[in-house]
Amino acid sequence: MQEGLLSHYYKDVEFEAGCDEAGRGCLAGSVYAAAVIFPKDYTNTELNDSKKLTAKKRYALREIVERNALAWAVGVVTPEEIDKINILNASILAMHRALDKLKVRPEAVIVDGNRFQKYKNLPYTTIVKGDGKYLSIAAASILAKTFRDDYMMKIDKEYPVYDWKSNKGYPTREHSEAIKQYGITPYHRRTFHVPGTGELTLDFKY
């Protein structure tokens, strides 16, 4: 087994869901989250934190996760919702929405990071760098990342000047420069700070 990546559940339950999100630090686009439940004895030495994998490997593993998981689901929170409730709450809401869609009800939840809000009175544990420690969280990170990348590639065709097909909505210098030159789109998060622009945020009219 890959060093540091645990195949067993965190809690001694029959069904444990791992959750992770993608797109929290972006200037544009929805935030995506996924929830995955594997069989308790499931192992896969290839699964890891999605950030440590190539895009090709992430998509290959997504197919494996979809086939092998007892249940998996993806939740989405839009830019408009992000602006209303802030990105932390939006990330948690996206995970709750993913959990809502699972076809198997989990008995416990493990979450990447250190912030979460209780879901339907289920016990939960936050695990810093959990996407590199637990298979279900690693799988959730892969699903969240790839489904969000698909979405960013799609909306890039509407607004190609922002190069979302490459930066996926993250605050690259080119993305920030395009915002200053062309303004923002309905996909931008209006309350986010634009790097390199002093006090400028995205809070202005389309």
C-alpha atoms as a PDB file:
ATOM      1  CA  MET A   1       0.000   0.000   0.000  1.00  0.00           C
ATOM      2  CA  GLN A   2       1.153   3.509  -0.785  1.00  0.00           C
ATOM      3  CA  GLU A   3       2.961   4.975   2.202  1.00  0.00           C
ATOM      4  CA  GLY A   4       0.763   7.230   4.322  1.00  0.00           C
ATOM      5  CA  LEU A   5      -2.445   6.289   2.495  1.00  0.00           C
ATOM      6  CA  LEU A   6      -4.783   4.270   4.689  1.00  0.00           C
ATOM      7  CA  SER A   7      -7.246   1.799   3.223  1.00  0.00           C
ATOM      8  CA  HIS A   8      -9.304   1.224   6.357  1.00  0.00           C
ATOM      9  CA  TYR A   9     -12.051   3.421   7.768  1.00  0.00           C
ATOM     10  CA  TYR A  10     -11.373   6.042  10.402  1.00  0.00           C
ATOM     11  CA  LYS A  11     -14.329   4.862  12.484  1.00  0.00           C
ATOM     12  CA  ASP A  12     -15.526   1.320  13.161  1.00  0.00           C
ATOM     13  CA  VAL A  13     -18.729   1.534  11.122  1.00  0.00           C
ATOM     14  CA  GLU A  14     -20.120  -0.266   8.093  1.00  0.00           C
ATOM     15  CA  PHE A  15     -20.449   2.766   5.813  1.00  0.00           C
ATOM     16  CA  GLU A  16     -18.133   5.769   6.096  1.00  0.00           C
ATOM     17  CA  ALA A  17     -18.182   8.615   3.571  1.00  0.00           C
ATOM     18  CA  GLY A  18     -15.104  10.636   2.672  1.00  0.00           C
ATOM     19  CA  CYS A  19     -15.609  14.236   1.493  1.00  0.00           C
ATOM     20  CA  ASP A  20     -13.488  16.855  -0.222  1.00  0.00           C
ATOM     21  CA  GLU A  21     -14.013  19.992  -2.306  1.00  0.00           C
ATOM     22  CA  ALA A  22     -12.438  21.707  -5.309  1.00  0.00           C
ATOM     23  CA  GLY A  23     -12.415  25.349  -6.357  1.00  0.00           C
ATOM     24  CA  ARG A  24     -12.442  27.026  -2.983  1.00  0.00           C
ATOM     25  CA  GLY A  25      -9.646  29.461  -3.864  1.00  0.00           C
ATOM     26  CA  CYS A  26     -10.962  30.498  -7.273  1.00  0.00           C
ATOM     27  CA  LEU A  27     -12.137  33.870  -8.535  1.00  0.00           C
ATOM     28  CA  ALA A  28     -14.661  32.316 -10.908  1.00  0.00           C
ATOM     29  CA  GLY A  29     -16.874  29.288 -11.130  1.00  0.00           C
ATOM     30  CA  SER A  30     -18.879  27.144  -8.761  1.00  0.00           C
ATOM     31  CA  VAL A  31     -17.322  25.207  -5.910  1.00  0.00           C
ATOM     32  CA  TYR A  32     -17.633  21.438  -6.273  1.00  0.00           C
ATOM     33  CA  ALA A  33     -17.498  18.733  -3.623  1.00  0.00           C
ATOM     34  CA  ALA A  34     -17.750  14.964  -3.659  1.00  0.00           C
ATOM     35  CA  ALA A  35     -18.618  12.206  -1.211  1.00  0.00           C
ATOM     36  CA  VAL A  36     -17.450   8.618  -1.630  1.00  0.00           C
ATOM     37  CA  ILE A  37     -18.207   5.406   0.247  1.00  0.00           C
ATOM     38  CA  PHE A  38     -15.961   2.417  -0.456  1.00  0.00           C
ATOM     39  CA  PRO A  39     -16.390  -1.129   0.796  1.00  0.00           C
ATOM     40  CA  LYS A  40     -14.728  -1.359   4.187  1.00  0.00           C
ATOM     41  CA  ASP A  41     -11.964  -3.659   2.925  1.00  0.00           C
ATOM     42  CA  TYR A  42     -11.328  -1.748  -0.309  1.00  0.00           C
ATOM     43  CA  THR A  43      -7.735  -1.039  -1.313  1.00  0.00           C
ATOM     44  CA  ASN A  44      -6.212   0.860  -4.217  1.00  0.00           C
ATOM     45  CA  THR A  45      -2.536   1.852  -4.204  1.00  0.00           C
ATOM     46  CA  GLU A  46      -3.025   4.435  -6.986  1.00  0.00           C
ATOM     47  CA  LEU A  47      -5.467   6.702  -5.190  1.00  0.00           C
ATOM     48  CA  ASN A  48      -3.986   9.872  -3.736  1.00  0.00           C
ATOM     49  CA  ASP A  49      -4.578  13.575  -3.249  1.00  0.00           C
ATOM     50  CA  SER A  50      -5.785  14.839  -6.648  1.00  0.00           C
ATOM     51  CA  LYS A  51      -3.217  17.669  -6.581  1.00  0.00           C
ATOM     52  CA  LYS A  52      -0.431  15.071  -6.697  1.00  0.00           C
ATOM     53  CA  LEU A  53      -1.806  13.396  -9.831  1.00  0.00           C
ATOM     54  CA  THR A  54      -1.690  14.337 -13.493  1.00  0.00           C
ATOM     55  CA  ALA A  55      -4.934  15.243 -15.215  1.00  0.00           C
ATOM     56  CA  LYS A  56      -4.779  12.011 -17.222  1.00  0.00           C
ATOM     57  CA  LYS A  57      -4.346   9.962 -14.053  1.00  0.00           C
ATOM     58  CA  ARG A  58      -7.189  11.798 -12.286  1.00  0.00           C
ATOM     59  CA  TYR A  59      -9.633  11.002 -15.063  1.00  0.00           C
ATOM     60  CA  ALA A  60      -8.543   7.368 -15.223  1.00  0.00           C
ATOM     61  CA  LEU A  61      -9.001   7.047 -11.473  1.00  0.00           C
ATOM     62  CA  ARG A  62     -12.375   8.754 -11.623  1.00  0.00           C
ATOM     63  CA  GLU A  63     -13.669   5.875 -13.743  1.00  0.00           C
ATOM     64  CA  ILE A  64     -12.276   3.376 -11.241  1.00  0.00           C
ATOM     65  CA  VAL A  65     -13.875   5.209  -8.310  1.00  0.00           C
ATOM     66  CA  GLU A  66     -17.231   5.342 -10.072  1.00  0.00           C
ATOM     67  CA  ARG A  67     -17.085   1.582 -10.673  1.00  0.00           C
ATOM     68  CA  ASN A  68     -15.721   0.468  -7.309  1.00  0.00           C
ATOM     69  CA  ALA A  69     -17.421   2.759  -4.804  1.00  0.00           C
ATOM     70  CA  LEU A  70     -20.507   1.556  -2.985  1.00  0.00           C
ATOM     71  CA  ALA A  71     -21.822   5.076  -3.516  1.00  0.00           C
ATOM     72  CA  TRP A  72     -20.504   8.392  -4.797  1.00  0.00           C
ATOM     73  CA  ALA A  73     -21.996  11.790  -5.519  1.00  0.00           C
ATOM     74  CA  VAL A  74     -21.034  15.360  -6.414  1.00  0.00           C
ATOM     75  CA  GLY A  75     -22.493  18.561  -4.957  1.00  0.00           C
ATOM     76  CA  VAL A  76     -22.268  22.070  -6.405  1.00  0.00           C
ATOM     77  CA  VAL A  77     -22.661  25.599  -5.017  1.00  0.00           C
ATOM     78  CA  THR A  78     -22.905  28.460  -7.503  1.00  0.00           C
ATOM     79  CA  PRO A  79     -20.997  31.773  -7.515  1.00  0.00           C
ATOM     80  CA  GLU A  80     -24.213  33.588  -6.544  1.00  0.00           C
ATOM     81  CA  GLU A  81     -24.596  31.356  -3.506  1.00  0.00           C
ATOM     82  CA  ILE A  82     -20.920  31.760  -2.622  1.00  0.00           C
ATOM     83  CA  ASP A  83     -21.333  35.538  -2.528  1.00  0.00           C
ATOM     84  CA  LYS A  84     -24.324  35.218  -0.201  1.00  0.00           C
ATOM     85  CA  ILE A  85     -22.898  32.773   2.348  1.00  0.00           C
ATOM     86  CA  ASN A  86     -19.059  33.042   1.855  1.00  0.00           C
ATOM     87  CA  ILE A  87     -16.733  30.433   0.429  1.00  0.00           C
ATOM     88  CA  LEU A  88     -16.187  28.436   3.622  1.00  0.00           C
ATOM     89  CA  ASN A  89     -19.910  27.908   4.134  1.00  0.00           C
ATOM     90  CA  ALA A  90     -20.307  27.263   0.410  1.00  0.00           C
ATOM     91  CA  SER A  91     -17.636  24.549   0.483  1.00  0.00           C
ATOM     92  CA  ILE A  92     -19.370  22.858   3.405  1.00  0.00           C
ATOM     93  CA  LEU A  93     -22.766  23.202   1.719  1.00  0.00           C
ATOM     94  CA  ALA A  94     -21.366  21.568  -1.431  1.00  0.00           C
ATOM     95  CA  MET A  95     -20.209  18.609   0.683  1.00  0.00           C
ATOM     96  CA  HIS A  96     -23.629  18.389   2.348  1.00  0.00           C
ATOM     97  CA  ARG A  97     -25.261  18.379  -1.084  1.00  0.00           C
ATOM     98  CA  ALA A  98     -22.974  15.554  -2.183  1.00  0.00           C
ATOM     99  CA  LEU A  99     -23.873  13.591   0.952  1.00  0.00           C
ATOM    100  CA  ASP A 100     -27.571  14.232   0.252  1.00  0.00           C
ATOM    101  CA  LYS A 101     -27.222  12.485  -3.118  1.00  0.00           C
ATOM    102  CA  LEU A 102     -25.503   9.316  -1.896  1.00  0.00           C
ATOM    103  CA  LYS A 103     -27.502   6.170  -2.587  1.00  0.00           C
ATOM    104  CA  VAL A 104     -26.077   4.562   0.552  1.00  0.00           C
ATOM    105  CA  ARG A 105     -26.590   6.392   3.826  1.00  0.00           C
ATOM    106  CA  PRO A 106     -23.279   6.798   5.668  1.00  0.00           C
ATOM    107  CA  GLU A 107     -22.935   6.168   9.372  1.00  0.00           C
ATOM    108  CA  ALA A 108     -19.969   8.532   9.716  1.00  0.00           C
ATOM    109  CA  VAL A 109     -18.214  11.195   7.660  1.00  0.00           C
ATOM    110  CA  ILE A 110     -14.527  12.065   7.288  1.00  0.00           C
ATOM    111  CA  VAL A 111     -13.591  15.387   5.708  1.00  0.00           C
ATOM    112  CA  ASP A 112     -10.381  16.829   4.308  1.00  0.00           C
ATOM    113  CA  GLY A 113      -9.228  19.916   6.198  1.00  0.00           C
ATOM    114  CA  ASN A 114     -10.171  21.314   9.577  1.00  0.00           C
ATOM    115  CA  ARG A 115     -13.624  22.871   9.109  1.00  0.00           C
ATOM    116  CA  PHE A 116     -17.019  21.232   8.718  1.00  0.00           C
ATOM    117  CA  GLN A 117     -20.561  21.471  10.037  1.00  0.00           C
ATOM    118  CA  LYS A 118     -22.509  18.489  11.295  1.00  0.00           C
ATOM    119  CA  TYR A 119     -24.530  16.657   8.686  1.00  0.00           C
ATOM    120  CA  LYS A 120     -27.808  15.106   9.860  1.00  0.00           C
ATOM    121  CA  ASN A 121     -26.419  14.300  13.302  1.00  0.00           C
ATOM    122  CA  LEU A 122     -23.828  11.921  11.867  1.00  0.00           C
ATOM    123  CA  PRO A 123     -20.465  11.773  13.623  1.00  0.00           C
ATOM    124  CA  TYR A 124     -17.752  13.452  11.595  1.00  0.00           C
ATOM    125  CA  THR A 125     -13.998  13.923  11.761  1.00  0.00           C
ATOM    126  CA  THR A 126     -11.943  16.596   9.992  1.00  0.00           C
ATOM    127  CA  ILE A 127      -8.509  15.412   8.905  1.00  0.00           C
ATOM    128  CA  VAL A 128      -5.815  17.836   7.772  1.00  0.00           C
ATOM    129  CA  LYS A 129      -4.333  16.537   4.501  1.00  0.00           C
ATOM    130  CA  GLY A 130      -6.867  13.740   4.680  1.00  0.00           C
ATOM    131  CA  ASP A 131      -6.845  13.444   0.891  1.00  0.00           C
ATOM    132  CA  GLY A 132      -3.389  11.915   1.227  1.00  0.00           C
ATOM    133  CA  LYS A 133      -4.317   9.616   4.118  1.00  0.00           C
ATOM    134  CA  TYR A 134      -7.727   8.042   3.522  1.00  0.00           C
ATOM    135  CA  LEU A 135      -8.895   6.380   0.334  1.00  0.00           C
ATOM    136  CA  SER A 136     -12.428   7.749   0.411  1.00  0.00           C
ATOM    137  CA  ILE A 137     -11.227  11.346   0.836  1.00  0.00           C
ATOM    138  CA  ALA A 138      -8.623  10.885  -1.914  1.00  0.00           C
ATOM    139  CA  ALA A 139     -11.353   9.561  -4.200  1.00  0.00           C
ATOM    140  CA  ALA A 140     -13.617  12.483  -3.300  1.00  0.00           C
ATOM    141  CA  SER A 141     -10.820  14.923  -4.137  1.00  0.00           C
ATOM    142  CA  ILE A 142     -10.438  13.312  -7.563  1.00  0.00           C
ATOM    143  CA  LEU A 143     -14.156  13.421  -8.327  1.00  0.00           C
ATOM    144  CA  ALA A 144     -14.549  17.015  -7.148  1.00  0.00           C
ATOM    145  CA  LYS A 145     -11.535  18.152  -9.151  1.00  0.00           C
ATOM    146  CA  THR A 146     -12.394  16.384 -12.404  1.00  0.00           C
ATOM    147  CA  PHE A 147     -16.079  17.282 -12.402  1.00  0.00           C
ATOM    148  CA  ARG A 148     -15.190  20.904 -11.685  1.00  0.00           C
ATOM    149  CA  ASP A 149     -12.545  20.903 -14.425  1.00  0.00           C
ATOM    150  CA  ASP A 150     -15.168  19.634 -16.881  1.00  0.00           C
ATOM    151  CA  TYR A 151     -17.426  22.510 -15.876  1.00  0.00           C
ATOM    152  CA  MET A 152     -14.655  25.122 -16.223  1.00  0.00           C
ATOM    153  CA  MET A 153     -13.734  23.790 -19.670  1.00  0.00           C
ATOM    154  CA  LYS A 154     -17.364  24.167 -20.697  1.00  0.00           C
ATOM    155  CA  ILE A 155     -17.807  27.750 -19.510  1.00  0.00           C
ATOM    156  CA  ASP A 156     -14.404  28.703 -20.961  1.00  0.00           C
ATOM    157  CA  LYS A 157     -16.041  28.435 -24.383  1.00  0.00           C
ATOM    158  CA  GLU A 158     -18.386  31.266 -23.398  1.00  0.00           C
ATOM    159  CA  TYR A 159     -15.619  33.558 -22.118  1.00  0.00           C
ATOM    160  CA  PRO A 160     -12.284  32.431 -23.625  1.00  0.00           C
ATOM    161  CA  VAL A 161     -10.420  35.664 -22.739  1.00  0.00           C
ATOM    162  CA  TYR A 162     -10.124  34.508 -19.102  1.00  0.00           C
ATOM    163  CA  ASP A 163      -8.379  31.253 -20.102  1.00  0.00           C
ATOM    164  CA  TRP A 164     -10.407  29.132 -17.693  1.00  0.00           C
ATOM    165  CA  LYS A 165      -9.486  26.033 -19.672  1.00  0.00           C
ATOM    166  CA  SER A 166      -5.972  26.475 -18.266  1.00  0.00           C
ATOM    167  CA  ASN A 167      -6.349  28.302 -14.936  1.00  0.00           C
ATOM    168  CA  LYS A 168      -9.728  26.721 -13.992  1.00  0.00           C
ATOM    169  CA  GLY A 169     -10.792  30.042 -12.443  1.00  0.00           C
ATOM    170  CA  TYR A 170      -7.831  30.365 -10.076  1.00  0.00           C
ATOM    171  CA  PRO A 171      -6.238  33.819  -9.603  1.00  0.00           C
ATOM    172  CA  THR A 172      -3.362  33.660 -12.058  1.00  0.00           C
ATOM    173  CA  ARG A 173      -1.784  36.899 -13.229  1.00  0.00           C
ATOM    174  CA  GLU A 174      -3.379  36.466 -16.665  1.00  0.00           C
ATOM    175  CA  HIS A 175      -6.800  35.918 -15.151  1.00  0.00           C
ATOM    176  CA  SER A 176      -6.505  39.008 -12.962  1.00  0.00           C
ATOM    177  CA  GLU A 177      -5.307  41.089 -15.924  1.00  0.00           C
ATOM    178  CA  ALA A 178      -8.258  39.903 -18.007  1.00  0.00           C
ATOM    179  CA  ILE A 179     -10.631  40.973 -15.238  1.00  0.00           C
ATOM    180  CA  LYS A 180      -9.073  44.446 -15.189  1.00  0.00           C
ATOM    181  CA  GLN A 181      -9.309  44.691 -18.988  1.00  0.00           C
ATOM    182  CA  TYR A 182     -12.695  43.097 -19.665  1.00  0.00           C
ATOM    183  CA  GLY A 183     -14.520  43.257 -16.333  1.00  0.00           C
ATOM    184  CA  ILE A 184     -16.259  40.303 -14.770  1.00  0.00           C
ATOM    185  CA  THR A 185     -18.780  37.733 -15.918  1.00  0.00           C
ATOM    186  CA  PRO A 186     -21.816  36.109 -14.295  1.00  0.00           C
ATOM    187  CA  TYR A 187     -19.472  33.264 -13.354  1.00  0.00           C
ATOM    188  CA  HIS A 188     -17.167  35.448 -11.268  1.00  0.00           C
ATOM    189  CA  ARG A 189     -17.477  35.592  -7.499  1.00  0.00           C
ATOM    190  CA  ARG A 190     -18.165  39.255  -6.914  1.00  0.00           C
ATOM    191  CA  THR A 191     -16.917  39.363  -3.314  1.00  0.00           C
ATOM    192  CA  PHE A 192     -13.441  37.967  -3.981  1.00  0.00           C
ATOM    193  CA  HIS A 193     -10.223  39.960  -3.821  1.00  0.00           C
ATOM    194  CA  VAL A 194      -8.255  40.200  -7.064  1.00  0.00           C
ATOM    195  CA  PRO A 195      -4.502  39.680  -6.431  1.00  0.00           C
ATOM    196  CA  GLY A 196      -2.215  42.518  -7.457  1.00  0.00           C
ATOM    197  CA  THR A 197      -4.930  45.171  -7.571  1.00  0.00           C
ATOM    198  CA  GLY A 198      -4.722  46.696  -4.121  1.00  0.00           C
ATOM    199  CA  GLU A 199      -8.205  47.032  -2.663  1.00  0.00           C
ATOM    200  CA  LEU A 200     -10.020  46.095  -5.876  1.00  0.00           C
ATOM    201  CA  THR A 201     -12.505  43.272  -5.508  1.00  0.00           C
ATOM    202  CA  LEU A 202     -14.967  41.788  -7.955  1.00  0.00           C
ATOM    203  CA  ASP A 203     -17.754  43.809  -6.347  1.00  0.00           C
ATOM    204  CA  PHE A 204     -18.831  45.932  -9.292  1.00  0.00           C
ATOM    205  CA  LYS A 205     -21.597  45.779 -11.876  1.00  0.00           C
ATOM    206  CA  TYR A 206     -21.409  43.570 -14.931  1.00  0.00           C
END
